[in-house]
Amino acid sequence: MPKTTQLRTYTVRDGLLDEWVQRWREEIVPLRMELGFMIGGAWVDRERNQFLWLIAYEGPETFAERNALYWSSPKREAMGLNPDDYLVRTDERTVESAY
């Protein structure tokens, strides 16, 4: 399968941006990487209360199939992390490199 990259923009609930970033870094990133995803970077836009990041997957499955594996993982469930507790809105865009 070709490499698929998504640019994800999350609008975070007021007052929870730093907590979200910490949990993302400590819990989400390690599991994503364990499952073969690559993280291309992450940024905080404090003015808009947003968190932006690049996630990619290149392997024998599609991005969607691998993402479903992430969500059904017992390790993911053990996090006790419900994105709805932190995120007001999410935007996921599949992008390709132009440079």
PDB file of N, CA and C in Angstrom:
ATOM      1  N   MET A   1       0.844  -1.188   0.000  1.00  0.00           N
ATOM      2  CA  MET A   1       0.000   0.000   0.000  1.00  0.00           C
ATOM      3  C   MET A   1       0.887   1.248   0.000  1.00  0.00           C
ATOM      4  N   PRO A   2       0.455   2.285  -0.673  1.00  0.00           N
ATOM      5  CA  PRO A   2       1.232   3.532  -0.638  1.00  0.00           C
ATOM      6  C   PRO A   2       1.114   4.209   0.727  1.00  0.00           C
ATOM      7  N   LYS A   3       2.026   5.100   0.976  1.00  0.00           N
ATOM      8  CA  LYS A   3       2.010   5.860   2.230  1.00  0.00           C
ATOM      9  C   LYS A   3       0.825   6.819   2.236  1.00  0.00           C
ATOM     10  N   THR A   4       0.109   6.826   3.348  1.00  0.00           N
ATOM     11  CA  THR A   4      -1.006   7.746   3.547  1.00  0.00           C
ATOM     12  C   THR A   4      -0.660   8.655   4.707  1.00  0.00           C
ATOM     13  N   THR A   5      -0.835   9.948   4.507  1.00  0.00           N
ATOM     14  CA  THR A   5      -0.566  10.934   5.558  1.00  0.00           C
ATOM     15  C   THR A   5      -1.817  11.747   5.810  1.00  0.00           C
ATOM     16  N   GLN A   6      -2.102  11.950   7.075  1.00  0.00           N
ATOM     17  CA  GLN A   6      -3.231  12.799   7.458  1.00  0.00           C
ATOM     18  C   GLN A   6      -2.738  13.978   8.278  1.00  0.00           C
ATOM     19  N   LEU A   7      -3.306  15.137   7.985  1.00  0.00           N
ATOM     20  CA  LEU A   7      -3.136  16.323   8.813  1.00  0.00           C
ATOM     21  C   LEU A   7      -4.381  16.402   9.677  1.00  0.00           C
ATOM     22  N   ARG A   8      -4.183  16.333  10.974  1.00  0.00           N
ATOM     23  CA  ARG A   8      -5.314  16.358  11.900  1.00  0.00           C
ATOM     24  C   ARG A   8      -5.284  17.645  12.713  1.00  0.00           C
ATOM     25  N   THR A   9      -6.417  18.305  12.755  1.00  0.00           N
ATOM     26  CA  THR A   9      -6.566  19.531  13.527  1.00  0.00           C
ATOM     27  C   THR A   9      -7.667  19.308  14.539  1.00  0.00           C
ATOM     28  N   TYR A  10      -7.326  19.460  15.797  1.00  0.00           N
ATOM     29  CA  TYR A  10      -8.278  19.257  16.880  1.00  0.00           C
ATOM     30  C   TYR A  10      -8.488  20.578  17.608  1.00  0.00           C
ATOM     31  N   THR A  11      -9.719  20.979  17.774  1.00  0.00           N
ATOM     32  CA  THR A  11     -10.052  22.114  18.624  1.00  0.00           C
ATOM     33  C   THR A  11     -10.341  21.539  20.008  1.00  0.00           C
ATOM     34  N   VAL A  12      -9.584  22.021  20.986  1.00  0.00           N
ATOM     35  CA  VAL A  12      -9.607  21.444  22.334  1.00  0.00           C
ATOM     36  C   VAL A  12     -10.463  22.315  23.260  1.00  0.00           C
ATOM     37  N   ARG A  13     -11.142  21.659  24.184  1.00  0.00           N
ATOM     38  CA  ARG A  13     -11.969  22.373  25.166  1.00  0.00           C
ATOM     39  C   ARG A  13     -11.108  23.358  25.955  1.00  0.00           C
ATOM     40  N   ASP A  14     -11.706  24.499  26.297  1.00  0.00           N
ATOM     41  CA  ASP A  14     -10.997  25.527  27.055  1.00  0.00           C
ATOM     42  C   ASP A  14     -10.382  24.940  28.316  1.00  0.00           C
ATOM     43  N   GLY A  15      -9.129  25.300  28.541  1.00  0.00           N
ATOM     44  CA  GLY A  15      -8.425  24.897  29.752  1.00  0.00           C
ATOM     45  C   GLY A  15      -7.822  23.508  29.723  1.00  0.00           C
ATOM     46  N   LEU A  16      -8.003  22.755  28.626  1.00  0.00           N
ATOM     47  CA  LEU A  16      -7.523  21.377  28.582  1.00  0.00           C
ATOM     48  C   LEU A  16      -6.416  21.140  27.552  1.00  0.00           C
ATOM     49  N   LEU A  17      -5.951  22.192  26.896  1.00  0.00           N
ATOM     50  CA  LEU A  17      -4.965  22.027  25.828  1.00  0.00           C
ATOM     51  C   LEU A  17      -3.681  21.366  26.327  1.00  0.00           C
ATOM     52  N   ASP A  18      -3.110  21.863  27.402  1.00  0.00           N
ATOM     53  CA  ASP A  18      -1.854  21.298  27.896  1.00  0.00           C
ATOM     54  C   ASP A  18      -2.031  19.862  28.375  1.00  0.00           C
ATOM     55  N   GLU A  19      -3.152  19.576  29.025  1.00  0.00           N
ATOM     56  CA  GLU A  19      -3.419  18.212  29.478  1.00  0.00           C
ATOM     57  C   GLU A  19      -3.573  17.275  28.276  1.00  0.00           C
ATOM     58  N   TRP A  20      -4.285  17.748  27.237  1.00  0.00           N
ATOM     59  CA  TRP A  20      -4.436  16.943  26.030  1.00  0.00           C
ATOM     60  C   TRP A  20      -3.076  16.636  25.417  1.00  0.00           C
ATOM     61  N   VAL A  21      -2.217  17.648  25.274  1.00  0.00           N
ATOM     62  CA  VAL A  21      -0.900  17.453  24.667  1.00  0.00           C
ATOM     63  C   VAL A  21      -0.090  16.435  25.471  1.00  0.00           C
ATOM     64  N   GLN A  22      -0.130  16.530  26.781  1.00  0.00           N
ATOM     65  CA  GLN A  22       0.617  15.599  27.623  1.00  0.00           C
ATOM     66  C   GLN A  22       0.112  14.161  27.431  1.00  0.00           C
ATOM     67  N   ARG A  23      -1.186  13.982  27.450  1.00  0.00           N
ATOM     68  CA  ARG A  23      -1.740  12.638  27.278  1.00  0.00           C
ATOM     69  C   ARG A  23      -1.459  12.111  25.871  1.00  0.00           C
ATOM     70  N   TRP A  24      -1.556  12.973  24.856  1.00  0.00           N
ATOM     71  CA  TRP A  24      -1.251  12.575  23.489  1.00  0.00           C
ATOM     72  C   TRP A  24       0.192  12.080  23.399  1.00  0.00           C
ATOM     73  N   ARG A  25       1.104  12.864  23.960  1.00  0.00           N
ATOM     74  CA  ARG A  25       2.528  12.548  23.897  1.00  0.00           C
ATOM     75  C   ARG A  25       2.859  11.260  24.653  1.00  0.00           C
ATOM     76  N   GLU A  26       2.297  11.107  25.854  1.00  0.00           N
ATOM     77  CA  GLU A  26       2.660   9.990  26.719  1.00  0.00           C
ATOM     78  C   GLU A  26       1.885   8.703  26.442  1.00  0.00           C
ATOM     79  N   GLU A  27       0.672   8.804  25.916  1.00  0.00           N
ATOM     80  CA  GLU A  27      -0.164   7.620  25.750  1.00  0.00           C
ATOM     81  C   GLU A  27      -0.446   7.277  24.287  1.00  0.00           C
ATOM     82  N   ILE A  28      -0.853   8.264  23.518  1.00  0.00           N
ATOM     83  CA  ILE A  28      -1.261   8.002  22.139  1.00  0.00           C
ATOM     84  C   ILE A  28      -0.065   7.729  21.235  1.00  0.00           C
ATOM     85  N   VAL A  29       0.943   8.588  21.299  1.00  0.00           N
ATOM     86  CA  VAL A  29       2.091   8.445  20.398  1.00  0.00           C
ATOM     87  C   VAL A  29       2.769   7.082  20.537  1.00  0.00           C
ATOM     88  N   PRO A  30       3.087   6.621  21.749  1.00  0.00           N
ATOM     89  CA  PRO A  30       3.763   5.320  21.834  1.00  0.00           C
ATOM     90  C   PRO A  30       2.963   4.169  21.210  1.00  0.00           C
ATOM     91  N   LEU A  31       1.656   4.143  21.412  1.00  0.00           N
ATOM     92  CA  LEU A  31       0.849   3.078  20.837  1.00  0.00           C
ATOM     93  C   LEU A  31       0.761   3.220  19.322  1.00  0.00           C
ATOM     94  N   ARG A  32       0.590   4.429  18.846  1.00  0.00           N
ATOM     95  CA  ARG A  32       0.558   4.642  17.395  1.00  0.00           C
ATOM     96  C   ARG A  32       1.847   4.127  16.759  1.00  0.00           C
ATOM     97  N   MET A  33       2.974   4.459  17.352  1.00  0.00           N
ATOM     98  CA  MET A  33       4.261   4.044  16.794  1.00  0.00           C
ATOM     99  C   MET A  33       4.436   2.527  16.890  1.00  0.00           C
ATOM    100  N   GLU A  34       3.994   1.952  17.973  1.00  0.00           N
ATOM    101  CA  GLU A  34       4.046   0.499  18.132  1.00  0.00           C
ATOM    102  C   GLU A  34       3.256  -0.202  17.018  1.00  0.00           C
ATOM    103  N   LEU A  35       2.199   0.423  16.565  1.00  0.00           N
ATOM    104  CA  LEU A  35       1.356  -0.157  15.525  1.00  0.00           C
ATOM    105  C   LEU A  35       1.786   0.239  14.111  1.00  0.00           C
ATOM    106  N   GLY A  36       2.957   0.877  13.985  1.00  0.00           N
ATOM    107  CA  GLY A  36       3.522   1.161  12.675  1.00  0.00           C
ATOM    108  C   GLY A  36       3.213   2.521  12.088  1.00  0.00           C
ATOM    109  N   PHE A  37       2.563   3.387  12.854  1.00  0.00           N
ATOM    110  CA  PHE A  37       2.313   4.745  12.376  1.00  0.00           C
ATOM    111  C   PHE A  37       3.564   5.593  12.565  1.00  0.00           C
ATOM    112  N   MET A  38       3.677   6.638  11.764  1.00  0.00           N
ATOM    113  CA  MET A  38       4.754   7.611  11.888  1.00  0.00           C
ATOM    114  C   MET A  38       4.132   8.957  12.242  1.00  0.00           C
ATOM    115  N   ILE A  39       4.756   9.666  13.149  1.00  0.00           N
ATOM    116  CA  ILE A  39       4.293  10.995  13.535  1.00  0.00           C
ATOM    117  C   ILE A  39       5.227  12.008  12.884  1.00  0.00           C
ATOM    118  N   GLY A  40       4.665  12.863  12.027  1.00  0.00           N
ATOM    119  CA  GLY A  40       5.466  13.821  11.272  1.00  0.00           C
ATOM    120  C   GLY A  40       5.664  15.154  11.969  1.00  0.00           C
ATOM    121  N   GLY A  41       5.066  15.311  13.134  1.00  0.00           N
ATOM    122  CA  GLY A  41       5.199  16.546  13.897  1.00  0.00           C
ATOM    123  C   GLY A  41       3.876  16.886  14.553  1.00  0.00           C
ATOM    124  N   ALA A  42       3.956  17.773  15.521  1.00  0.00           N
ATOM    125  CA  ALA A  42       2.756  18.227  16.228  1.00  0.00           C
ATOM    126  C   ALA A  42       2.968  19.664  16.659  1.00  0.00           C
ATOM    127  N   TRP A  43       1.894  20.440  16.613  1.00  0.00           N
ATOM    128  CA  TRP A  43       1.958  21.860  16.916  1.00  0.00           C
ATOM    129  C   TRP A  43       0.751  22.285  17.741  1.00  0.00           C
ATOM    130  N   VAL A  44       0.949  23.300  18.551  1.00  0.00           N
ATOM    131  CA  VAL A  44      -0.127  23.885  19.353  1.00  0.00           C
ATOM    132  C   VAL A  44      -0.370  25.299  18.851  1.00  0.00           C
ATOM    133  N   ASP A  45      -1.627  25.616  18.600  1.00  0.00           N
ATOM    134  CA  ASP A  45      -2.048  26.968  18.234  1.00  0.00           C
ATOM    135  C   ASP A  45      -2.888  27.480  19.400  1.00  0.00           C
ATOM    136  N   ARG A  46      -2.223  28.141  20.344  1.00  0.00           N
ATOM    137  CA  ARG A  46      -2.903  28.571  21.568  1.00  0.00           C
ATOM    138  C   ARG A  46      -3.984  29.615  21.297  1.00  0.00           C
ATOM    139  N   GLU A  47      -3.768  30.440  20.301  1.00  0.00           N
ATOM    140  CA  GLU A  47      -4.747  31.482  19.979  1.00  0.00           C
ATOM    141  C   GLU A  47      -6.105  30.874  19.590  1.00  0.00           C
ATOM    142  N   ARG A  48      -6.061  29.747  18.898  1.00  0.00           N
ATOM    143  CA  ARG A  48      -7.295  29.091  18.451  1.00  0.00           C
ATOM    144  C   ARG A  48      -7.660  27.877  19.317  1.00  0.00           C
ATOM    145  N   ASN A  49      -6.835  27.604  20.346  1.00  0.00           N
ATOM    146  CA  ASN A  49      -7.036  26.449  21.222  1.00  0.00           C
ATOM    147  C   ASN A  49      -7.050  25.159  20.396  1.00  0.00           C
ATOM    148  N   GLN A  50      -6.073  25.057  19.476  1.00  0.00           N
ATOM    149  CA  GLN A  50      -6.022  23.913  18.577  1.00  0.00           C
ATOM    150  C   GLN A  50      -4.711  23.139  18.707  1.00  0.00           C
ATOM    151  N   PHE A  51      -4.817  21.873  18.385  1.00  0.00           N
ATOM    152  CA  PHE A  51      -3.693  20.957  18.343  1.00  0.00           C
ATOM    153  C   PHE A  51      -3.662  20.363  16.942  1.00  0.00           C
ATOM    154  N   LEU A  52      -2.524  20.472  16.262  1.00  0.00           N
ATOM    155  CA  LEU A  52      -2.382  19.989  14.893  1.00  0.00           C
ATOM    156  C   LEU A  52      -1.259  18.963  14.848  1.00  0.00           C
ATOM    157  N   TRP A  53      -1.468  17.905  14.076  1.00  0.00           N
ATOM    158  CA  TRP A  53      -0.408  16.905  13.951  1.00  0.00           C
ATOM    159  C   TRP A  53      -0.504  16.151  12.644  1.00  0.00           C
ATOM    160  N   LEU A  54       0.634  15.584  12.247  1.00  0.00           N
ATOM    161  CA  LEU A  54       0.721  14.770  11.044  1.00  0.00           C
ATOM    162  C   LEU A  54       0.923  13.322  11.459  1.00  0.00           C
ATOM    163  N   ILE A  55       0.120  12.441  10.910  1.00  0.00           N
ATOM    164  CA  ILE A  55       0.242  11.012  11.163  1.00  0.00           C
ATOM    165  C   ILE A  55       0.260  10.304   9.815  1.00  0.00           C
ATOM    166  N   ALA A  56       1.134   9.303   9.685  1.00  0.00           N
ATOM    167  CA  ALA A  56       1.255   8.584   8.424  1.00  0.00           C
ATOM    168  C   ALA A  56       1.344   7.087   8.687  1.00  0.00           C
ATOM    169  N   TYR A  57       0.957   6.336   7.668  1.00  0.00           N
ATOM    170  CA  TYR A  57       1.099   4.881   7.715  1.00  0.00           C
ATOM    171  C   TYR A  57       1.431   4.392   6.324  1.00  0.00           C
ATOM    172  N   GLU A  58       2.407   3.479   6.265  1.00  0.00           N
ATOM    173  CA  GLU A  58       2.780   2.831   5.016  1.00  0.00           C
ATOM    174  C   GLU A  58       3.053   1.373   5.354  1.00  0.00           C
ATOM    175  N   GLY A  59       2.196   0.512   4.893  1.00  0.00           N
ATOM    176  CA  GLY A  59       2.357  -0.899   5.210  1.00  0.00           C
ATOM    177  C   GLY A  59       1.429  -1.755   4.386  1.00  0.00           C
ATOM    178  N   PRO A  60       1.279  -3.002   4.797  1.00  0.00           N
ATOM    179  CA  PRO A  60       0.471  -3.935   4.012  1.00  0.00           C
ATOM    180  C   PRO A  60      -1.027  -3.654   4.060  1.00  0.00           C
ATOM    181  N   GLU A  61      -1.483  -2.907   5.056  1.00  0.00           N
ATOM    182  CA  GLU A  61      -2.907  -2.588   5.179  1.00  0.00           C
ATOM    183  C   GLU A  61      -3.147  -1.144   4.748  1.00  0.00           C
ATOM    184  N   THR A  62      -4.411  -0.798   4.603  1.00  0.00           N
ATOM    185  CA  THR A  62      -4.737   0.594   4.341  1.00  0.00           C
ATOM    186  C   THR A  62      -4.633   1.384   5.649  1.00  0.00           C
ATOM    187  N   PHE A  63      -4.583   2.682   5.524  1.00  0.00           N
ATOM    188  CA  PHE A  63      -4.576   3.549   6.709  1.00  0.00           C
ATOM    189  C   PHE A  63      -5.810   3.258   7.557  1.00  0.00           C
ATOM    190  N   ALA A  64      -6.963   3.153   6.909  1.00  0.00           N
ATOM    191  CA  ALA A  64      -8.213   2.916   7.633  1.00  0.00           C
ATOM    192  C   ALA A  64      -8.192   1.594   8.384  1.00  0.00           C
ATOM    193  N   GLU A  65      -7.666   0.557   7.761  1.00  0.00           N
ATOM    194  CA  GLU A  65      -7.578  -0.745   8.436  1.00  0.00           C
ATOM    195  C   GLU A  65      -6.651  -0.675   9.644  1.00  0.00           C
ATOM    196  N   ARG A  66      -5.523  -0.026   9.474  1.00  0.00           N
ATOM    197  CA  ARG A  66      -4.568   0.080  10.581  1.00  0.00           C
ATOM    198  C   ARG A  66      -5.131   0.971  11.683  1.00  0.00           C
ATOM    199  N   ASN A  67      -5.862   2.008  11.304  1.00  0.00           N
ATOM    200  CA  ASN A  67      -6.467   2.895  12.286  1.00  0.00           C
ATOM    201  C   ASN A  67      -7.529   2.142  13.098  1.00  0.00           C
ATOM    202  N   ALA A  68      -8.283   1.276  12.443  1.00  0.00           N
ATOM    203  CA  ALA A  68      -9.276   0.457  13.144  1.00  0.00           C
ATOM    204  C   ALA A  68      -8.587  -0.464  14.151  1.00  0.00           C
ATOM    205  N   LEU A  69      -7.415  -0.979  13.796  1.00  0.00           N
ATOM    206  CA  LEU A  69      -6.646  -1.817  14.713  1.00  0.00           C
ATOM    207  C   LEU A  69      -6.232  -1.016  15.949  1.00  0.00           C
ATOM    208  N   TYR A  70      -5.833   0.223  15.735  1.00  0.00           N
ATOM    209  CA  TYR A  70      -5.479   1.103  16.861  1.00  0.00           C
ATOM    210  C   TYR A  70      -6.676   1.260  17.798  1.00  0.00           C
ATOM    211  N   TRP A  71      -7.823   1.598  17.242  1.00  0.00           N
ATOM    212  CA  TRP A  71      -9.009   1.857  18.067  1.00  0.00           C
ATOM    213  C   TRP A  71      -9.522   0.615  18.774  1.00  0.00           C
ATOM    214  N   SER A  72      -9.302  -0.567  18.209  1.00  0.00           N
ATOM    215  CA  SER A  72      -9.769  -1.802  18.842  1.00  0.00           C
ATOM    216  C   SER A  72      -8.726  -2.433  19.761  1.00  0.00           C
ATOM    217  N   SER A  73      -7.561  -1.829  19.854  1.00  0.00           N
ATOM    218  CA  SER A  73      -6.477  -2.364  20.671  1.00  0.00           C
ATOM    219  C   SER A  73      -6.823  -2.353  22.156  1.00  0.00           C
ATOM    220  N   PRO A  74      -6.537  -3.432  22.870  1.00  0.00           N
ATOM    221  CA  PRO A  74      -6.729  -3.441  24.320  1.00  0.00           C
ATOM    222  C   PRO A  74      -5.907  -2.348  25.020  1.00  0.00           C
ATOM    223  N   LYS A  75      -4.732  -2.031  24.470  1.00  0.00           N
ATOM    224  CA  LYS A  75      -3.916  -0.963  25.053  1.00  0.00           C
ATOM    225  C   LYS A  75      -4.616   0.387  24.902  1.00  0.00           C
ATOM    226  N   ARG A  76      -5.299   0.587  23.788  1.00  0.00           N
ATOM    227  CA  ARG A  76      -6.041   1.837  23.585  1.00  0.00           C
ATOM    228  C   ARG A  76      -7.186   1.923  24.587  1.00  0.00           C
ATOM    229  N   GLU A  77      -7.888   0.845  24.772  1.00  0.00           N
ATOM    230  CA  GLU A  77      -8.997   0.828  25.723  1.00  0.00           C
ATOM    231  C   GLU A  77      -8.504   1.061  27.150  1.00  0.00           C
ATOM    232  N   ALA A  78      -7.347   0.503  27.468  1.00  0.00           N
ATOM    233  CA  ALA A  78      -6.789   0.638  28.821  1.00  0.00           C
ATOM    234  C   ALA A  78      -6.402   2.074  29.160  1.00  0.00           C
ATOM    235  N   MET A  79      -6.227   2.914  28.151  1.00  0.00           N
ATOM    236  CA  MET A  79      -5.887   4.326  28.398  1.00  0.00           C
ATOM    237  C   MET A  79      -6.993   5.036  29.170  1.00  0.00           C
ATOM    238  N   GLY A  80      -8.223   4.626  28.964  1.00  0.00           N
ATOM    239  CA  GLY A  80      -9.341   5.332  29.582  1.00  0.00           C
ATOM    240  C   GLY A  80      -9.445   6.763  29.073  1.00  0.00           C
ATOM    241  N   LEU A  81      -9.041   6.957  27.844  1.00  0.00           N
ATOM    242  CA  LEU A  81      -9.010   8.289  27.244  1.00  0.00           C
ATOM    243  C   LEU A  81     -10.134   8.417  26.226  1.00  0.00           C
ATOM    244  N   ASN A  82     -11.126   9.213  26.553  1.00  0.00           N
ATOM    245  CA  ASN A  82     -12.226   9.477  25.632  1.00  0.00           C
ATOM    246  C   ASN A  82     -11.964  10.831  24.972  1.00  0.00           C
ATOM    247  N   PRO A  83     -11.680  10.843  23.664  1.00  0.00           N
ATOM    248  CA  PRO A  83     -11.396  12.113  22.993  1.00  0.00           C
ATOM    249  C   PRO A  83     -12.492  13.160  23.186  1.00  0.00           C
ATOM    250  N   ASP A  84     -13.733  12.727  23.312  1.00  0.00           N
ATOM    251  CA  ASP A  84     -14.840  13.681  23.490  1.00  0.00           C
ATOM    252  C   ASP A  84     -14.715  14.486  24.783  1.00  0.00           C
ATOM    253  N   ASP A  85     -13.968  13.975  25.744  1.00  0.00           N
ATOM    254  CA  ASP A  85     -13.744  14.718  26.984  1.00  0.00           C
ATOM    255  C   ASP A  85     -12.833  15.924  26.756  1.00  0.00           C
ATOM    256  N   TYR A  86     -12.052  15.887  25.687  1.00  0.00           N
ATOM    257  CA  TYR A  86     -11.065  16.926  25.403  1.00  0.00           C
ATOM    258  C   TYR A  86     -11.359  17.733  24.148  1.00  0.00           C
ATOM    259  N   LEU A  87     -11.919  17.092  23.141  1.00  0.00           N
ATOM    260  CA  LEU A  87     -11.994  17.711  21.820  1.00  0.00           C
ATOM    261  C   LEU A  87     -13.402  18.189  21.488  1.00  0.00           C
ATOM    262  N   VAL A  88     -13.474  19.442  21.044  1.00  0.00           N
ATOM    263  CA  VAL A  88     -14.736  20.041  20.616  1.00  0.00           C
ATOM    264  C   VAL A  88     -15.004  19.698  19.151  1.00  0.00           C
ATOM    265  N   ARG A  89     -13.935  19.705  18.348  1.00  0.00           N
ATOM    266  CA  ARG A  89     -14.069  19.457  16.907  1.00  0.00           C
ATOM    267  C   ARG A  89     -12.782  18.835  16.382  1.00  0.00           C
ATOM    268  N   THR A  90     -12.931  17.951  15.408  1.00  0.00           N
ATOM    269  CA  THR A  90     -11.761  17.366  14.754  1.00  0.00           C
ATOM    270  C   THR A  90     -11.900  17.523  13.244  1.00  0.00           C
ATOM    271  N   ASP A  91     -10.780  17.708  12.594  1.00  0.00           N
ATOM    272  CA  ASP A  91     -10.726  17.790  11.140  1.00  0.00           C
ATOM    273  C   ASP A  91      -9.558  16.922  10.701  1.00  0.00           C
ATOM    274  N   GLU A  92      -9.844  15.923   9.881  1.00  0.00           N
ATOM    275  CA  GLU A  92      -8.799  15.021   9.372  1.00  0.00           C
ATOM    276  C   GLU A  92      -8.753  15.145   7.866  1.00  0.00           C
ATOM    277  N   ARG A  93      -7.577  15.479   7.344  1.00  0.00           N
ATOM    278  CA  ARG A  93      -7.408  15.637   5.900  1.00  0.00           C
ATOM    279  C   ARG A  93      -6.268  14.740   5.425  1.00  0.00           C
ATOM    280  N   THR A  94      -6.531  13.976   4.390  1.00  0.00           N
ATOM    281  CA  THR A  94      -5.462  13.199   3.772  1.00  0.00           C
ATOM    282  C   THR A  94      -4.710  14.139   2.848  1.00  0.00           C
ATOM    283  N   VAL A  95      -3.396  14.207   3.042  1.00  0.00           N
ATOM    284  CA  VAL A  95      -2.559  15.148   2.299  1.00  0.00           C
ATOM    285  C   VAL A  95      -1.385  14.413   1.663  1.00  0.00           C
ATOM    286  N   GLU A  96      -0.758  15.057   0.693  1.00  0.00           N
ATOM    287  CA  GLU A  96       0.451  14.514   0.090  1.00  0.00           C
ATOM    288  C   GLU A  96       1.505  15.604   0.025  1.00  0.00           C
ATOM    289  N   SER A  97       2.730  15.176   0.080  1.00  0.00           N
ATOM    290  CA  SER A  97       3.850  16.109   0.102  1.00  0.00           C
ATOM    291  C   SER A  97       3.985  16.833  -1.246  1.00  0.00           C
ATOM    292  N   ALA A  98       4.203  18.132  -1.175  1.00  0.00           N
ATOM    293  CA  ALA A  98       4.440  18.926  -2.374  1.00  0.00           C
ATOM    294  C   ALA A  98       5.875  19.434  -2.424  1.00  0.00           C
ATOM    295  N   TYR A  99       6.620  19.166  -1.343  1.00  0.00           N
ATOM    296  CA  TYR A  99       8.014  19.609  -1.288  1.00  0.00           C
ATOM    297  C   TYR A  99       8.793  18.704  -0.390  1.00  0.00           C
TER     298      TYR A  99
END
